[in-house]
Amino acid sequence: MKKNRWFKVVMITLTALLICSFAHAEELRVGVDTAFVPFEFKGKDGKYTGFDVDLWAAIAKRLKLEYKIIPMDFNGLIPGLTTGNLDVVLAAIFIKSSREKAIDFSHPYFRAGLKVMVRTENKDINGPQDLKGKVVAVKTGTATVDYVKTLGVKKMTQFPNIDQAYLEVVTSGADAAMHDTPNVLYYIKTAGKGKVKAVGADVKAAFYGIGLQQGSALRDKVNVALLEIMEDGEYDKIYIKWFGSAPE
């Protein structure tokens, strides 16, 4: 009798664990940056929106995936994947060999470079080649950090939020900021209008990819859905919504 009771308890416990595990697996945890306009940011309604958010919504709809958006600082996204706390990350993440040692990437979905931003009245800096001996503001953990280290700058000030780096330029705390071109140009057209300008050509052009856990079975499915979206015009619609024109 005791043996049967013990068996029932074990079976009930295992069943509960399986149900919880299945339920958790059904709702993917999708990490996004907290403030990277226009790719992911909090809208006026308090919900996260942006190019990356819309792109993932389109992918998830095709794959019939349930998911939850989890906002966090950029630095926490890749560790979130490697520790198993996140299933997917979208945050305009450059596909780099060093990152591919830790996570898997989808097919590329956006091409972007790095751009220098200075105050409107600045005439000394006309591109990355003029940053030697200057104070440059950047966002922690991004591809820009590695690049700026090669320029011989006087000081590189790192911020967890790129808007803080831009504000450092506006308030003359830094001579220049450098970051992903789409975000720099968006800031210049909006919050920084009349105060800052972009200078020089794009450098270190590379592609963004959707990050997934290494060996994730989701990768192939995401790639198929992503290619379908690019082929049937839905990608172009999302792109035009956020950037005003069709991608090249």
C-alpha atoms as a PDB file:
ATOM      1  CA  MET A   1       0.000   0.000   0.000  1.00  0.00           C
ATOM      2  CA  LYS A   2       2.789   2.411   0.948  1.00  0.00           C
ATOM      3  CA  LYS A   3       4.635   1.423  -2.225  1.00  0.00           C
ATOM      4  CA  ASN A   4       1.610   2.271  -4.379  1.00  0.00           C
ATOM      5  CA  ARG A   5       1.165   5.582  -2.595  1.00  0.00           C
ATOM      6  CA  TRP A   6       4.841   6.459  -3.142  1.00  0.00           C
ATOM      7  CA  PHE A   7       4.537   5.521  -6.819  1.00  0.00           C
ATOM      8  CA  LYS A   8       1.507   7.789  -7.241  1.00  0.00           C
ATOM      9  CA  VAL A   9       3.320  10.701  -5.592  1.00  0.00           C
ATOM     10  CA  VAL A  10       6.328  10.233  -7.889  1.00  0.00           C
ATOM     11  CA  MET A  11       4.119  10.075 -10.990  1.00  0.00           C
ATOM     12  CA  ILE A  12       2.154  13.165 -10.007  1.00  0.00           C
ATOM     13  CA  THR A  13       5.394  15.073  -9.372  1.00  0.00           C
ATOM     14  CA  LEU A  14       6.922  14.017 -12.695  1.00  0.00           C
ATOM     15  CA  THR A  15       3.753  14.915 -14.567  1.00  0.00           C
ATOM     16  CA  ALA A  16       3.692  18.367 -12.960  1.00  0.00           C
ATOM     17  CA  LEU A  17       7.317  18.935 -13.875  1.00  0.00           C
ATOM     18  CA  LEU A  18       6.716  17.904 -17.463  1.00  0.00           C
ATOM     19  CA  ILE A  19       3.706  20.199 -17.734  1.00  0.00           C
ATOM     20  CA  CYS A  20       5.682  23.146 -16.318  1.00  0.00           C
ATOM     21  CA  SER A  21       8.604  22.393 -18.598  1.00  0.00           C
ATOM     22  CA  PHE A  22       6.345  22.174 -21.638  1.00  0.00           C
ATOM     23  CA  ALA A  23       4.551  25.392 -20.738  1.00  0.00           C
ATOM     24  CA  HIS A  24       7.872  27.185 -20.297  1.00  0.00           C
ATOM     25  CA  ALA A  25       9.170  25.860 -23.613  1.00  0.00           C
ATOM     26  CA  GLU A  26       6.012  27.123 -25.354  1.00  0.00           C
ATOM     27  CA  GLU A  27       6.648  30.753 -24.334  1.00  0.00           C
ATOM     28  CA  LEU A  28       9.987  31.879 -25.663  1.00  0.00           C
ATOM     29  CA  ARG A  29      11.933  34.481 -23.741  1.00  0.00           C
ATOM     30  CA  VAL A  30      12.986  37.154 -26.235  1.00  0.00           C
ATOM     31  CA  GLY A  31      15.554  39.655 -24.991  1.00  0.00           C
ATOM     32  CA  VAL A  32      15.745  43.161 -26.456  1.00  0.00           C
ATOM     33  CA  ASP A  33      17.797  46.245 -25.655  1.00  0.00           C
ATOM     34  CA  THR A  34      16.054  48.754 -23.404  1.00  0.00           C
ATOM     35  CA  ALA A  35      16.610  51.771 -25.645  1.00  0.00           C
ATOM     36  CA  PHE A  36      17.929  51.432 -29.179  1.00  0.00           C
ATOM     37  CA  VAL A  37      15.737  53.577 -31.396  1.00  0.00           C
ATOM     38  CA  PRO A  38      14.396  52.740 -33.932  1.00  0.00           C
ATOM     39  CA  PHE A  39      15.135  49.033 -33.461  1.00  0.00           C
ATOM     40  CA  GLU A  40      13.693  48.498 -29.994  1.00  0.00           C
ATOM     41  CA  PHE A  41      12.360  51.020 -27.504  1.00  0.00           C
ATOM     42  CA  LYS A  42       9.374  51.667 -25.267  1.00  0.00           C
ATOM     43  CA  GLY A  43       6.507  53.366 -27.065  1.00  0.00           C
ATOM     44  CA  LYS A  44       4.059  55.909 -25.656  1.00  0.00           C
ATOM     45  CA  ASP A  45       1.717  53.081 -24.694  1.00  0.00           C
ATOM     46  CA  GLY A  46       4.427  51.534 -22.501  1.00  0.00           C
ATOM     47  CA  LYS A  47       4.948  48.575 -24.828  1.00  0.00           C
ATOM     48  CA  TYR A  48       8.183  47.791 -26.638  1.00  0.00           C
ATOM     49  CA  THR A  49       8.220  48.533 -30.329  1.00  0.00           C
ATOM     50  CA  GLY A  50      10.687  49.118 -33.175  1.00  0.00           C
ATOM     51  CA  PHE A  51      12.078  47.465 -36.283  1.00  0.00           C
ATOM     52  CA  ASP A  52      13.470  44.422 -34.456  1.00  0.00           C
ATOM     53  CA  VAL A  53      10.290  43.983 -32.432  1.00  0.00           C
ATOM     54  CA  ASP A  54       8.119  44.082 -35.570  1.00  0.00           C
ATOM     55  CA  LEU A  55      10.447  41.733 -37.427  1.00  0.00           C
ATOM     56  CA  TRP A  56      10.326  39.167 -34.632  1.00  0.00           C
ATOM     57  CA  ALA A  57       6.547  39.487 -34.391  1.00  0.00           C
ATOM     58  CA  ALA A  58       6.316  38.621 -38.095  1.00  0.00           C
ATOM     59  CA  ILE A  59       8.640  35.633 -37.676  1.00  0.00           C
ATOM     60  CA  ALA A  60       6.809  34.390 -34.594  1.00  0.00           C
ATOM     61  CA  LYS A  61       3.449  34.680 -36.336  1.00  0.00           C
ATOM     62  CA  ARG A  62       4.618  32.471 -39.203  1.00  0.00           C
ATOM     63  CA  LEU A  63       6.063  29.920 -36.836  1.00  0.00           C
ATOM     64  CA  LYS A  64       3.079  30.136 -34.452  1.00  0.00           C
ATOM     65  CA  LEU A  65       5.377  30.889 -31.523  1.00  0.00           C
ATOM     66  CA  GLU A  66       4.324  32.288 -28.173  1.00  0.00           C
ATOM     67  CA  TYR A  67       6.882  34.648 -26.655  1.00  0.00           C
ATOM     68  CA  LYS A  68       7.522  37.259 -24.010  1.00  0.00           C
ATOM     69  CA  ILE A  69       9.610  40.391 -24.594  1.00  0.00           C
ATOM     70  CA  ILE A  70      12.262  40.820 -21.901  1.00  0.00           C
ATOM     71  CA  PRO A  71      13.977  44.240 -21.966  1.00  0.00           C
ATOM     72  CA  MET A  72      17.479  44.596 -20.531  1.00  0.00           C
ATOM     73  CA  ASP A  73      20.772  46.388 -21.065  1.00  0.00           C
ATOM     74  CA  PHE A  74      22.666  45.296 -24.168  1.00  0.00           C
ATOM     75  CA  ASN A  75      25.472  43.791 -22.065  1.00  0.00           C
ATOM     76  CA  GLY A  76      23.094  41.258 -20.532  1.00  0.00           C
ATOM     77  CA  LEU A  77      21.711  39.832 -23.765  1.00  0.00           C
ATOM     78  CA  ILE A  78      24.433  37.408 -24.851  1.00  0.00           C
ATOM     79  CA  PRO A  79      25.066  36.205 -21.263  1.00  0.00           C
ATOM     80  CA  GLY A  80      21.300  35.701 -21.061  1.00  0.00           C
ATOM     81  CA  LEU A  81      21.536  33.249 -23.957  1.00  0.00           C
ATOM     82  CA  THR A  82      24.614  31.425 -22.704  1.00  0.00           C
ATOM     83  CA  THR A  83      23.110  30.915 -19.243  1.00  0.00           C
ATOM     84  CA  GLY A  84      19.806  29.705 -20.655  1.00  0.00           C
ATOM     85  CA  ASN A  85      17.789  32.622 -19.291  1.00  0.00           C
ATOM     86  CA  LEU A  86      16.883  33.805 -22.794  1.00  0.00           C
ATOM     87  CA  ASP A  87      15.939  31.871 -25.927  1.00  0.00           C
ATOM     88  CA  VAL A  88      16.277  34.631 -28.522  1.00  0.00           C
ATOM     89  CA  VAL A  89      17.831  38.102 -28.604  1.00  0.00           C
ATOM     90  CA  LEU A  90      17.253  40.968 -31.032  1.00  0.00           C
ATOM     91  CA  ALA A  91      19.135  44.186 -30.463  1.00  0.00           C
ATOM     92  CA  ALA A  92      20.845  45.154 -33.731  1.00  0.00           C
ATOM     93  CA  ILE A  93      23.640  42.734 -32.808  1.00  0.00           C
ATOM     94  CA  PHE A  94      26.541  42.604 -35.260  1.00  0.00           C
ATOM     95  CA  ILE A  95      27.450  39.086 -36.337  1.00  0.00           C
ATOM     96  CA  LYS A  96      31.044  38.672 -35.152  1.00  0.00           C
ATOM     97  CA  SER A  97      33.276  35.610 -34.999  1.00  0.00           C
ATOM     98  CA  SER A  98      33.981  36.260 -31.310  1.00  0.00           C
ATOM     99  CA  ARG A  99      30.253  36.187 -30.552  1.00  0.00           C
ATOM    100  CA  GLU A 100      29.714  33.049 -32.618  1.00  0.00           C
ATOM    101  CA  LYS A 101      31.940  31.225 -30.167  1.00  0.00           C
ATOM    102  CA  ALA A 102      29.237  31.730 -27.556  1.00  0.00           C
ATOM    103  CA  ILE A 103      25.915  31.894 -29.437  1.00  0.00           C
ATOM    104  CA  ASP A 104      24.334  31.047 -32.783  1.00  0.00           C
ATOM    105  CA  PHE A 105      23.071  33.647 -35.248  1.00  0.00           C
ATOM    106  CA  SER A 106      20.293  33.635 -37.795  1.00  0.00           C
ATOM    107  CA  HIS A 107      20.892  34.647 -41.376  1.00  0.00           C
ATOM    108  CA  PRO A 108      21.835  38.352 -41.598  1.00  0.00           C
ATOM    109  CA  TYR A 109      18.810  40.643 -41.646  1.00  0.00           C
ATOM    110  CA  PHE A 110      20.218  44.189 -41.694  1.00  0.00           C
ATOM    111  CA  ARG A 111      23.413  45.800 -42.975  1.00  0.00           C
ATOM    112  CA  ALA A 112      24.841  48.686 -40.976  1.00  0.00           C
ATOM    113  CA  GLY A 113      28.111  50.440 -40.263  1.00  0.00           C
ATOM    114  CA  LEU A 114      29.437  52.781 -37.589  1.00  0.00           C
ATOM    115  CA  LYS A 115      29.078  56.561 -37.794  1.00  0.00           C
ATOM    116  CA  VAL A 116      30.728  59.476 -35.985  1.00  0.00           C
ATOM    117  CA  MET A 117      28.526  62.180 -34.464  1.00  0.00           C
ATOM    118  CA  VAL A 118      29.746  65.600 -33.280  1.00  0.00           C
ATOM    119  CA  ARG A 119      28.245  68.918 -32.210  1.00  0.00           C
ATOM    120  CA  THR A 120      26.885  70.998 -35.075  1.00  0.00           C
ATOM    121  CA  GLU A 121      29.530  73.712 -34.702  1.00  0.00           C
ATOM    122  CA  ASN A 122      32.464  71.242 -34.669  1.00  0.00           C
ATOM    123  CA  LYS A 123      34.746  71.699 -37.676  1.00  0.00           C
ATOM    124  CA  ASP A 124      37.778  69.746 -36.444  1.00  0.00           C
ATOM    125  CA  ILE A 125      36.322  66.251 -36.758  1.00  0.00           C
ATOM    126  CA  ASN A 126      35.285  65.104 -40.221  1.00  0.00           C
ATOM    127  CA  GLY A 127      35.393  61.365 -39.697  1.00  0.00           C
ATOM    128  CA  PRO A 128      36.991  58.552 -37.681  1.00  0.00           C
ATOM    129  CA  GLN A 129      40.451  59.571 -38.858  1.00  0.00           C
ATOM    130  CA  ASP A 130      40.152  62.778 -36.816  1.00  0.00           C
ATOM    131  CA  LEU A 131      39.314  61.129 -33.487  1.00  0.00           C
ATOM    132  CA  LYS A 132      42.953  60.685 -32.462  1.00  0.00           C
ATOM    133  CA  GLY A 133      43.569  62.587 -29.236  1.00  0.00           C
ATOM    134  CA  LYS A 134      39.855  63.240 -28.733  1.00  0.00           C
ATOM    135  CA  VAL A 135      37.327  62.180 -26.087  1.00  0.00           C
ATOM    136  CA  VAL A 136      34.835  59.751 -27.603  1.00  0.00           C
ATOM    137  CA  ALA A 137      31.594  58.494 -26.052  1.00  0.00           C
ATOM    138  CA  VAL A 138      30.407  54.970 -26.897  1.00  0.00           C
ATOM    139  CA  LYS A 139      28.010  52.309 -25.670  1.00  0.00           C
ATOM    140  CA  THR A 140      29.455  49.549 -23.489  1.00  0.00           C
ATOM    141  CA  GLY A 141      29.727  46.073 -24.989  1.00  0.00           C
ATOM    142  CA  THR A 142      29.227  47.097 -28.620  1.00  0.00           C
ATOM    143  CA  ALA A 143      31.377  46.615 -31.722  1.00  0.00           C
ATOM    144  CA  THR A 144      32.186  50.322 -31.565  1.00  0.00           C
ATOM    145  CA  VAL A 145      34.275  49.835 -28.424  1.00  0.00           C
ATOM    146  CA  ASP A 146      36.753  47.551 -30.184  1.00  0.00           C
ATOM    147  CA  TYR A 147      37.002  49.858 -33.174  1.00  0.00           C
ATOM    148  CA  VAL A 148      37.532  53.066 -31.194  1.00  0.00           C
ATOM    149  CA  LYS A 149      40.376  51.387 -29.290  1.00  0.00           C
ATOM    150  CA  THR A 150      42.346  51.336 -32.560  1.00  0.00           C
ATOM    151  CA  LEU A 151      42.020  55.076 -33.213  1.00  0.00           C
ATOM    152  CA  GLY A 152      44.398  56.469 -30.599  1.00  0.00           C
ATOM    153  CA  VAL A 153      41.752  58.509 -28.811  1.00  0.00           C
ATOM    154  CA  LYS A 154      42.601  60.508 -25.703  1.00  0.00           C
ATOM    155  CA  LYS A 155      39.778  58.884 -23.745  1.00  0.00           C
ATOM    156  CA  MET A 156      36.910  56.542 -24.503  1.00  0.00           C
ATOM    157  CA  THR A 157      33.946  57.037 -22.175  1.00  0.00           C
ATOM    158  CA  GLN A 158      31.553  54.089 -22.067  1.00  0.00           C
ATOM    159  CA  PHE A 159      27.860  54.290 -21.177  1.00  0.00           C
ATOM    160  CA  PRO A 160      25.267  51.525 -20.681  1.00  0.00           C
ATOM    161  CA  ASN A 161      22.764  53.522 -22.737  1.00  0.00           C
ATOM    162  CA  ILE A 162      23.649  55.126 -26.076  1.00  0.00           C
ATOM    163  CA  ASP A 163      21.432  58.153 -25.359  1.00  0.00           C
ATOM    164  CA  GLN A 164      23.763  58.945 -22.464  1.00  0.00           C
ATOM    165  CA  ALA A 165      26.722  58.878 -24.863  1.00  0.00           C
ATOM    166  CA  TYR A 166      24.931  61.225 -27.256  1.00  0.00           C
ATOM    167  CA  LEU A 167      24.045  63.600 -24.403  1.00  0.00           C
ATOM    168  CA  GLU A 168      27.711  63.657 -23.418  1.00  0.00           C
ATOM    169  CA  VAL A 169      28.465  65.142 -26.838  1.00  0.00           C
ATOM    170  CA  VAL A 170      25.589  67.642 -26.669  1.00  0.00           C
ATOM    171  CA  THR A 171      26.781  68.892 -23.264  1.00  0.00           C
ATOM    172  CA  SER A 172      30.433  69.061 -24.424  1.00  0.00           C
ATOM    173  CA  GLY A 173      31.549  66.249 -22.125  1.00  0.00           C
ATOM    174  CA  ALA A 174      32.914  64.429 -25.167  1.00  0.00           C
ATOM    175  CA  ASP A 175      34.175  65.586 -28.543  1.00  0.00           C
ATOM    176  CA  ALA A 176      32.306  62.897 -30.440  1.00  0.00           C
ATOM    177  CA  ALA A 177      30.175  59.796 -30.146  1.00  0.00           C
ATOM    178  CA  MET A 178      30.291  56.762 -32.374  1.00  0.00           C
ATOM    179  CA  HIS A 179      27.638  54.124 -32.842  1.00  0.00           C
ATOM    180  CA  ASP A 180      25.567  52.176 -35.376  1.00  0.00           C
ATOM    181  CA  THR A 181      24.655  54.409 -38.312  1.00  0.00           C
ATOM    182  CA  PRO A 182      20.831  53.938 -38.254  1.00  0.00           C
ATOM    183  CA  ASN A 183      20.657  54.914 -34.601  1.00  0.00           C
ATOM    184  CA  VAL A 184      22.984  57.899 -34.995  1.00  0.00           C
ATOM    185  CA  LEU A 185      20.965  59.263 -37.917  1.00  0.00           C
ATOM    186  CA  TYR A 186      17.669  58.743 -36.078  1.00  0.00           C
ATOM    187  CA  TYR A 187      18.945  60.679 -33.062  1.00  0.00           C
ATOM    188  CA  ILE A 188      20.138  63.537 -35.279  1.00  0.00           C
ATOM    189  CA  LYS A 189      16.677  63.802 -36.848  1.00  0.00           C
ATOM    190  CA  THR A 190      14.855  63.681 -33.516  1.00  0.00           C
ATOM    191  CA  ALA A 191      16.232  64.529 -30.060  1.00  0.00           C
ATOM    192  CA  GLY A 192      19.522  65.874 -31.391  1.00  0.00           C
ATOM    193  CA  LYS A 193      18.100  67.953 -34.229  1.00  0.00           C
ATOM    194  CA  GLY A 194      20.077  71.178 -34.653  1.00  0.00           C
ATOM    195  CA  LYS A 195      22.532  70.209 -31.925  1.00  0.00           C
ATOM    196  CA  VAL A 196      24.591  67.455 -33.541  1.00  0.00           C
ATOM    197  CA  LYS A 197      25.539  66.177 -36.979  1.00  0.00           C
ATOM    198  CA  ALA A 198      27.007  63.065 -38.583  1.00  0.00           C
ATOM    199  CA  VAL A 199      30.436  63.268 -40.198  1.00  0.00           C
ATOM    200  CA  GLY A 200      32.472  60.971 -42.411  1.00  0.00           C
ATOM    201  CA  ALA A 201      31.613  57.754 -44.174  1.00  0.00           C
ATOM    202  CA  ASP A 202      30.314  54.598 -42.543  1.00  0.00           C
ATOM    203  CA  VAL A 203      33.046  52.266 -41.332  1.00  0.00           C
ATOM    204  CA  LYS A 204      33.189  48.617 -40.295  1.00  0.00           C
ATOM    205  CA  ALA A 205      30.003  47.793 -42.201  1.00  0.00           C
ATOM    206  CA  ALA A 206      28.613  44.451 -41.071  1.00  0.00           C
ATOM    207  CA  PHE A 207      25.338  42.616 -40.622  1.00  0.00           C
ATOM    208  CA  TYR A 208      22.930  42.253 -37.733  1.00  0.00           C
ATOM    209  CA  GLY A 209      21.691  38.791 -36.821  1.00  0.00           C
ATOM    210  CA  ILE A 210      19.117  37.306 -34.465  1.00  0.00           C
ATOM    211  CA  GLY A 211      20.920  35.624 -31.558  1.00  0.00           C
ATOM    212  CA  LEU A 212      19.966  32.151 -30.338  1.00  0.00           C
ATOM    213  CA  GLN A 213      21.369  29.620 -27.913  1.00  0.00           C
ATOM    214  CA  GLN A 214      24.100  27.452 -29.412  1.00  0.00           C
ATOM    215  CA  GLY A 215      22.619  24.361 -31.013  1.00  0.00           C
ATOM    216  CA  SER A 216      19.081  25.752 -30.814  1.00  0.00           C
ATOM    217  CA  ALA A 217      16.589  23.749 -32.874  1.00  0.00           C
ATOM    218  CA  LEU A 218      14.836  27.063 -33.493  1.00  0.00           C
ATOM    219  CA  ARG A 219      17.594  28.432 -35.700  1.00  0.00           C
ATOM    220  CA  ASP A 220      16.627  26.675 -38.934  1.00  0.00           C
ATOM    221  CA  LYS A 221      12.945  27.524 -38.463  1.00  0.00           C
ATOM    222  CA  VAL A 222      13.764  31.186 -37.845  1.00  0.00           C
ATOM    223  CA  ASN A 223      15.969  31.288 -40.938  1.00  0.00           C
ATOM    224  CA  VAL A 224      13.239  29.852 -43.161  1.00  0.00           C
ATOM    225  CA  ALA A 225      10.665  32.323 -41.833  1.00  0.00           C
ATOM    226  CA  LEU A 226      13.125  35.214 -42.205  1.00  0.00           C
ATOM    227  CA  LEU A 227      13.816  34.333 -45.845  1.00  0.00           C
ATOM    228  CA  GLU A 228      10.097  34.011 -46.553  1.00  0.00           C
ATOM    229  CA  ILE A 229       9.505  37.470 -45.098  1.00  0.00           C
ATOM    230  CA  MET A 230      12.272  38.908 -47.258  1.00  0.00           C
ATOM    231  CA  GLU A 231      10.977  37.194 -50.394  1.00  0.00           C
ATOM    232  CA  ASP A 232       7.279  38.049 -50.110  1.00  0.00           C
ATOM    233  CA  GLY A 233       7.697  41.761 -49.335  1.00  0.00           C
ATOM    234  CA  GLU A 234       6.774  41.803 -45.650  1.00  0.00           C
ATOM    235  CA  TYR A 235      10.354  42.731 -44.702  1.00  0.00           C
ATOM    236  CA  ASP A 236      10.201  45.740 -47.038  1.00  0.00           C
ATOM    237  CA  LYS A 237       6.967  46.928 -45.404  1.00  0.00           C
ATOM    238  CA  ILE A 238       8.543  46.782 -41.933  1.00  0.00           C
ATOM    239  CA  TYR A 239      11.679  48.541 -43.203  1.00  0.00           C
ATOM    240  CA  ILE A 240       9.711  51.355 -44.833  1.00  0.00           C
ATOM    241  CA  LYS A 241       7.655  51.818 -41.657  1.00  0.00           C
ATOM    242  CA  TRP A 242      10.781  52.577 -39.602  1.00  0.00           C
ATOM    243  CA  PHE A 243      13.224  54.081 -42.119  1.00  0.00           C
ATOM    244  CA  GLY A 244      10.962  55.807 -44.637  1.00  0.00           C
ATOM    245  CA  SER A 245      12.249  54.066 -47.764  1.00  0.00           C
ATOM    246  CA  ALA A 246      12.762  50.567 -49.108  1.00  0.00           C
ATOM    247  CA  PRO A 247      16.080  48.817 -48.365  1.00  0.00           C
ATOM    248  CA  GLU A 248      18.725  48.800 -51.079  1.00  0.00           C
END
